[in-house]
N, C-alpha and C. Protein backbone atom coordinates (compact mmCIF):
# COMPACT_ATOMS: atom_id res chain seq x y z
N GLN A 1 194.26 19.32 276.58
CA GLN A 1 193.34 18.21 276.45
C GLN A 1 191.99 19.17 276.29
N VAL A 2 191.14 18.33 275.52
CA VAL A 2 189.69 18.86 275.19
C VAL A 2 188.66 18.13 275.81
N GLN A 3 187.70 18.69 276.46
CA GLN A 3 186.56 17.90 277.00
C GLN A 3 185.23 18.29 276.31
N LEU A 4 184.40 17.16 276.27
CA LEU A 4 183.08 17.34 275.42
C LEU A 4 182.23 16.90 276.45
N VAL A 5 181.10 17.93 276.25
CA VAL A 5 180.03 17.74 277.22
C VAL A 5 178.80 17.54 276.48
N GLU A 6 178.17 16.31 276.56
CA GLU A 6 176.79 16.29 275.69
C GLU A 6 175.63 16.36 276.57
N SER A 7 174.48 16.89 275.67
CA SER A 7 173.17 17.01 276.50
C SER A 7 172.04 16.78 275.45
N GLY A 8 170.85 16.46 275.95
CA GLY A 8 169.75 16.44 274.93
C GLY A 8 169.14 15.06 274.80
N GLY A 9 169.74 13.97 275.32
CA GLY A 9 169.12 12.83 275.18
C GLY A 9 167.97 12.49 276.09
N GLY A 10 167.41 11.49 275.89
CA GLY A 10 166.18 11.03 276.61
C GLY A 10 165.41 10.15 275.98
N LEU A 11 163.91 9.92 276.74
CA LEU A 11 163.00 8.93 276.01
C LEU A 11 162.02 9.91 275.28
N VAL A 12 161.75 9.36 274.01
CA VAL A 12 160.78 9.96 273.02
C VAL A 12 159.89 8.91 272.38
N GLN A 13 158.59 9.29 272.00
CA GLN A 13 157.95 8.19 271.42
C GLN A 13 158.36 8.22 269.92
N PRO A 14 158.03 7.10 268.96
CA PRO A 14 158.15 6.91 267.75
C PRO A 14 157.62 8.16 267.00
N GLY A 15 158.34 8.87 266.07
CA GLY A 15 157.83 9.90 265.35
C GLY A 15 158.38 11.28 265.95
N GLY A 16 158.71 11.28 267.22
CA GLY A 16 159.27 12.37 267.87
C GLY A 16 160.39 12.92 267.50
N SER A 17 160.97 13.88 268.27
CA SER A 17 162.20 14.90 267.78
C SER A 17 162.88 14.94 269.06
N LEU A 18 164.12 14.92 268.97
CA LEU A 18 165.34 15.24 269.90
C LEU A 18 166.32 16.03 269.44
N ARG A 19 166.89 16.90 270.15
CA ARG A 19 168.15 17.79 269.74
C ARG A 19 169.36 17.41 270.82
N LEU A 20 170.27 16.99 270.00
CA LEU A 20 171.32 16.70 270.99
C LEU A 20 172.42 17.75 270.81
N SER A 21 173.32 18.16 271.90
CA SER A 21 174.15 19.18 271.81
C SER A 21 175.48 18.69 272.37
N CYS A 22 176.59 18.97 271.84
CA CYS A 22 177.99 18.71 272.00
C CYS A 22 178.95 20.01 272.26
N ALA A 23 179.10 20.42 273.51
CA ALA A 23 180.10 21.68 273.60
C ALA A 23 181.45 21.01 273.95
N ALA A 24 182.49 21.61 273.23
CA ALA A 24 184.01 21.38 273.17
C ALA A 24 184.75 22.39 274.23
N SER A 25 185.40 22.17 275.20
CA SER A 25 185.94 23.10 275.88
C SER A 25 187.39 22.68 276.17
N GLY A 26 188.26 23.48 276.74
CA GLY A 26 189.64 23.14 277.27
C GLY A 26 190.66 23.89 276.26
N ASN A 27 191.82 23.27 275.76
CA ASN A 27 192.91 23.48 275.28
C ASN A 27 192.49 23.06 273.76
N ILE A 28 191.65 24.07 273.16
CA ILE A 28 191.30 23.62 271.69
C ILE A 28 192.19 24.67 270.70
N PHE A 29 192.70 23.92 269.87
CA PHE A 29 193.57 24.42 268.80
C PHE A 29 192.74 24.73 267.57
N SER A 30 192.62 23.69 266.78
CA SER A 30 191.71 23.95 265.64
C SER A 30 190.88 22.75 265.21
N ILE A 31 189.56 22.92 265.56
CA ILE A 31 188.65 21.58 265.15
C ILE A 31 188.45 21.40 263.65
N ASN A 32 188.78 20.30 263.17
CA ASN A 32 188.48 19.88 261.89
C ASN A 32 186.97 19.37 261.64
N VAL A 33 186.88 18.07 262.28
CA VAL A 33 185.71 17.19 262.28
C VAL A 33 184.95 17.38 263.32
N MET A 34 183.66 17.36 263.49
CA MET A 34 182.79 17.22 264.38
C MET A 34 181.61 16.31 264.04
N ALA A 35 181.30 15.25 264.91
CA ALA A 35 180.47 14.13 264.39
C ALA A 35 179.81 13.52 265.51
N TRP A 36 178.69 12.78 265.22
CA TRP A 36 177.88 11.86 266.26
C TRP A 36 177.93 10.41 265.75
N TYR A 37 178.40 9.72 266.77
CA TYR A 37 178.39 8.21 266.56
C TYR A 37 177.04 7.80 267.43
N ARG A 38 176.78 6.44 267.36
CA ARG A 38 175.94 5.85 268.20
C ARG A 38 176.14 4.28 268.21
N GLN A 39 175.83 3.83 269.47
CA GLN A 39 175.96 2.54 269.76
C GLN A 39 174.73 1.81 270.20
N ALA A 40 174.18 0.89 269.60
CA ALA A 40 173.09 0.30 270.16
C ALA A 40 173.52 -1.04 271.04
N PRO A 41 172.64 -1.51 271.95
CA PRO A 41 173.17 -2.75 272.51
C PRO A 41 173.63 -3.88 271.62
N GLY A 42 174.59 -4.58 271.82
CA GLY A 42 175.07 -5.90 270.92
C GLY A 42 175.56 -5.19 269.58
N LYS A 43 175.69 -4.14 269.13
CA LYS A 43 175.99 -3.68 267.93
C LYS A 43 177.31 -2.98 268.04
N GLN A 44 177.94 -2.58 266.92
CA GLN A 44 179.28 -1.91 267.07
C GLN A 44 178.82 -0.33 266.86
N ARG A 45 179.55 0.38 267.43
CA ARG A 45 179.64 1.90 267.28
C ARG A 45 179.47 2.42 265.66
N GLU A 46 178.47 3.06 265.36
CA GLU A 46 178.61 3.50 263.91
C GLU A 46 178.50 5.07 263.66
N LEU A 47 178.93 5.58 262.73
CA LEU A 47 178.99 6.89 262.36
C LEU A 47 177.65 7.40 262.12
N VAL A 48 176.82 8.32 262.64
CA VAL A 48 175.74 8.60 262.23
C VAL A 48 175.71 9.91 261.35
N ALA A 49 176.62 11.07 261.83
CA ALA A 49 176.54 12.31 260.97
C ALA A 49 177.81 12.97 261.31
N ALA A 50 178.62 13.34 260.41
CA ALA A 50 179.69 14.24 260.52
C ALA A 50 179.84 15.71 259.75
N MET A 51 180.51 16.58 260.13
CA MET A 51 180.55 17.71 259.45
C MET A 51 182.06 18.37 259.75
N ASN A 52 182.77 18.61 258.46
CA ASN A 52 184.02 19.17 258.67
C ASN A 52 184.06 20.61 258.61
N SER A 53 185.14 21.20 258.82
CA SER A 53 185.33 22.64 259.15
C SER A 53 184.75 23.56 257.67
N GLY A 54 184.58 22.99 256.70
CA GLY A 54 183.90 23.54 255.48
C GLY A 54 182.30 23.33 255.55
N ASP A 55 181.81 22.79 256.68
CA ASP A 55 180.40 22.68 256.83
C ASP A 55 179.76 21.79 255.72
N SER A 56 180.55 20.72 255.17
CA SER A 56 180.25 19.61 254.38
C SER A 56 180.03 18.72 255.18
N ALA A 57 178.48 18.03 255.13
CA ALA A 57 178.10 17.09 255.93
C ALA A 57 177.81 15.67 255.28
N ARG A 58 177.76 14.64 255.99
CA ARG A 58 177.57 13.52 255.55
C ARG A 58 176.87 12.53 256.65
N TYR A 59 176.04 11.69 256.13
CA TYR A 59 175.05 10.91 257.29
C TYR A 59 175.02 9.43 256.66
N VAL A 60 174.86 8.64 257.60
CA VAL A 60 174.64 7.35 257.25
C VAL A 60 173.22 7.09 256.94
N ASP A 61 173.11 6.21 255.69
CA ASP A 61 171.78 6.03 254.96
C ASP A 61 170.43 6.07 255.84
N SER A 62 170.59 5.32 257.03
CA SER A 62 169.46 5.24 257.78
C SER A 62 168.88 6.27 258.28
N VAL A 63 169.70 7.60 258.42
CA VAL A 63 168.94 8.74 258.86
C VAL A 63 168.97 9.93 258.02
N LYS A 64 169.50 9.65 256.76
CA LYS A 64 169.12 10.62 255.57
C LYS A 64 167.76 11.13 255.53
N GLY A 65 167.54 12.26 255.77
CA GLY A 65 166.08 13.09 255.46
C GLY A 65 165.51 13.22 257.03
N ARG A 66 166.19 12.68 257.92
CA ARG A 66 165.49 12.78 259.40
C ARG A 66 166.61 13.29 260.14
N PHE A 67 167.61 13.17 260.17
CA PHE A 67 168.60 14.00 261.07
C PHE A 67 169.36 14.95 260.36
N THR A 68 169.72 16.11 261.23
CA THR A 68 170.49 17.37 260.63
C THR A 68 171.50 17.38 261.54
N ILE A 69 172.88 17.73 261.13
CA ILE A 69 173.88 17.95 261.86
C ILE A 69 174.28 19.43 261.61
N SER A 70 174.71 20.20 262.76
CA SER A 70 175.07 21.59 262.46
C SER A 70 176.14 21.93 263.49
N ARG A 71 176.71 22.98 263.32
CA ARG A 71 177.77 23.34 264.29
C ARG A 71 177.86 25.02 264.26
N ASP A 72 178.46 25.22 265.59
CA ASP A 72 178.71 26.60 265.62
C ASP A 72 180.01 26.83 266.09
N ASN A 73 180.87 27.35 265.08
CA ASN A 73 182.24 27.17 265.35
C ASN A 73 182.72 28.24 266.41
N ALA A 74 182.05 29.21 266.54
CA ALA A 74 182.36 30.40 267.58
C ALA A 74 182.22 29.64 268.93
N GLN A 75 181.40 28.94 269.00
CA GLN A 75 180.98 28.16 270.52
C GLN A 75 181.62 26.88 270.35
N ASN A 76 182.36 26.41 269.55
CA ASN A 76 182.96 24.85 269.47
C ASN A 76 181.74 23.85 269.98
N THR A 77 180.63 24.09 269.28
CA THR A 77 179.45 23.27 269.76
C THR A 77 179.01 22.54 268.44
N VAL A 78 178.62 21.50 268.31
CA VAL A 78 177.92 20.53 267.53
C VAL A 78 176.59 20.12 268.06
N TYR A 79 175.47 20.05 266.94
CA TYR A 79 174.09 19.78 267.28
C TYR A 79 173.82 18.55 266.37
N LEU A 80 172.97 17.70 266.75
CA LEU A 80 172.23 16.72 265.97
C LEU A 80 170.78 16.86 266.35
N GLN A 81 169.90 17.47 265.26
CA GLN A 81 168.68 17.60 265.30
C GLN A 81 167.93 16.25 264.59
N MET A 82 167.33 15.53 265.63
CA MET A 82 166.76 14.19 265.23
C MET A 82 165.19 14.21 265.05
N ASN A 83 164.72 14.12 263.87
CA ASN A 83 163.21 14.16 263.65
C ASN A 83 162.66 12.71 263.33
N SER A 84 161.45 12.66 263.31
CA SER A 84 160.89 11.14 262.81
C SER A 84 161.56 10.12 263.40
N LEU A 85 161.64 10.18 264.68
CA LEU A 85 162.42 9.17 265.11
C LEU A 85 162.02 7.72 265.42
N LYS A 86 162.80 6.69 265.26
CA LYS A 86 162.24 5.37 265.14
C LYS A 86 162.88 4.31 266.25
N PRO A 87 162.24 3.35 266.66
CA PRO A 87 162.76 2.71 267.64
C PRO A 87 164.15 2.06 267.38
N GLU A 88 164.40 1.73 266.16
CA GLU A 88 165.80 1.37 265.78
C GLU A 88 166.83 2.67 265.97
N ASP A 89 166.56 3.76 266.36
CA ASP A 89 167.43 4.98 266.58
C ASP A 89 167.84 4.79 268.01
N THR A 90 167.17 3.92 268.79
CA THR A 90 167.63 3.71 270.13
C THR A 90 169.08 3.39 270.35
N ALA A 91 169.66 4.23 271.12
CA ALA A 91 171.38 3.88 270.97
C ALA A 91 172.08 4.97 272.15
N VAL A 92 173.02 4.65 272.31
CA VAL A 92 173.96 5.75 273.34
C VAL A 92 174.66 6.62 272.01
N TYR A 93 174.46 7.86 272.18
CA TYR A 93 174.98 8.67 271.07
C TYR A 93 176.12 9.37 271.64
N TYR A 94 177.26 9.44 270.74
CA TYR A 94 178.62 9.92 271.42
C TYR A 94 178.95 10.90 270.42
N CYS A 95 179.45 11.96 270.93
CA CYS A 95 180.03 13.21 270.29
C CYS A 95 181.43 12.83 270.05
N TYR A 96 182.02 13.16 268.85
CA TYR A 96 183.32 13.03 268.43
C TYR A 96 184.19 14.28 267.94
N VAL A 97 185.30 14.67 268.13
CA VAL A 97 185.88 15.90 267.75
C VAL A 97 187.32 15.49 267.32
N LEU A 98 187.72 15.94 265.91
CA LEU A 98 189.01 15.58 265.42
C LEU A 98 189.61 17.11 265.12
N GLU A 99 190.84 17.21 266.03
CA GLU A 99 191.60 18.50 265.71
C GLU A 99 192.66 18.33 264.64
N ASN A 100 192.67 19.51 264.17
CA ASN A 100 194.03 19.37 262.97
C ASN A 100 195.39 19.28 263.74
N GLY A 101 195.99 18.22 263.31
CA GLY A 101 197.37 17.97 263.71
C GLY A 101 197.53 17.62 265.22
N ARG A 102 196.27 17.25 265.84
CA ARG A 102 196.49 16.72 267.32
C ARG A 102 196.07 15.63 267.48
N GLY A 103 194.94 15.50 268.01
CA GLY A 103 194.16 14.24 268.11
C GLY A 103 192.78 14.16 268.21
N ASP A 104 192.02 13.31 268.68
CA ASP A 104 190.74 13.26 268.49
C ASP A 104 190.00 12.95 270.15
N TYR A 105 188.64 13.16 270.30
CA TYR A 105 188.28 13.12 271.54
C TYR A 105 186.79 12.55 271.45
N TRP A 106 186.32 11.95 272.52
CA TRP A 106 185.08 11.46 272.52
C TRP A 106 184.30 11.94 273.81
N GLY A 107 183.03 12.22 273.72
CA GLY A 107 182.04 12.58 274.79
C GLY A 107 181.70 11.43 275.55
N GLN A 108 181.18 11.30 276.64
CA GLN A 108 180.70 10.39 277.46
C GLN A 108 179.66 9.65 277.10
N GLY A 109 178.98 10.32 276.15
CA GLY A 109 177.71 9.51 275.45
C GLY A 109 176.52 9.99 276.26
N THR A 110 175.44 9.96 275.53
CA THR A 110 174.04 10.34 276.02
C THR A 110 173.04 9.30 275.40
N GLN A 111 172.04 8.89 276.34
CA GLN A 111 171.27 7.75 275.79
C GLN A 111 170.03 8.47 275.14
N VAL A 112 169.71 7.72 274.02
CA VAL A 112 168.34 8.17 273.32
C VAL A 112 167.62 6.89 273.25
N THR A 113 166.52 6.92 273.81
CA THR A 113 165.49 5.87 273.58
C THR A 113 164.14 6.19 273.03
N VAL A 114 163.87 5.57 271.91
CA VAL A 114 162.72 5.79 271.19
C VAL A 114 161.78 4.44 271.42
N SER A 115 160.53 4.97 272.12
CA SER A 115 159.58 3.67 272.70
C SER A 115 158.48 4.24 272.89
N SER A 116 157.28 3.57 272.65
CA SER A 116 155.86 3.98 273.05
C SER A 116 155.62 3.65 274.36
């Protein structure tokens, strides 16, 4: 079993920045994809950014140029640097990990609120 622990959420003013972290621990075999999803009230969960084991990244259009995903494979950690935050970025952000040939896992979620 793999556990994911997220940190870094909080309240920030529009235009501000936050950095989310997610550390995977437990019986880790081989991580393929590490990603961040978010879910705003009344909306479906959406993929924000993902990075595969070859460090190829993709982003939802609404965050391109503002958010950057990165990962530290030695530490089994994924980060999401969020700049120029907007009120519409307000959501619960979830870490997601897909292991090769095993399964996928979700973090417990961390709240990000962008408000003046």
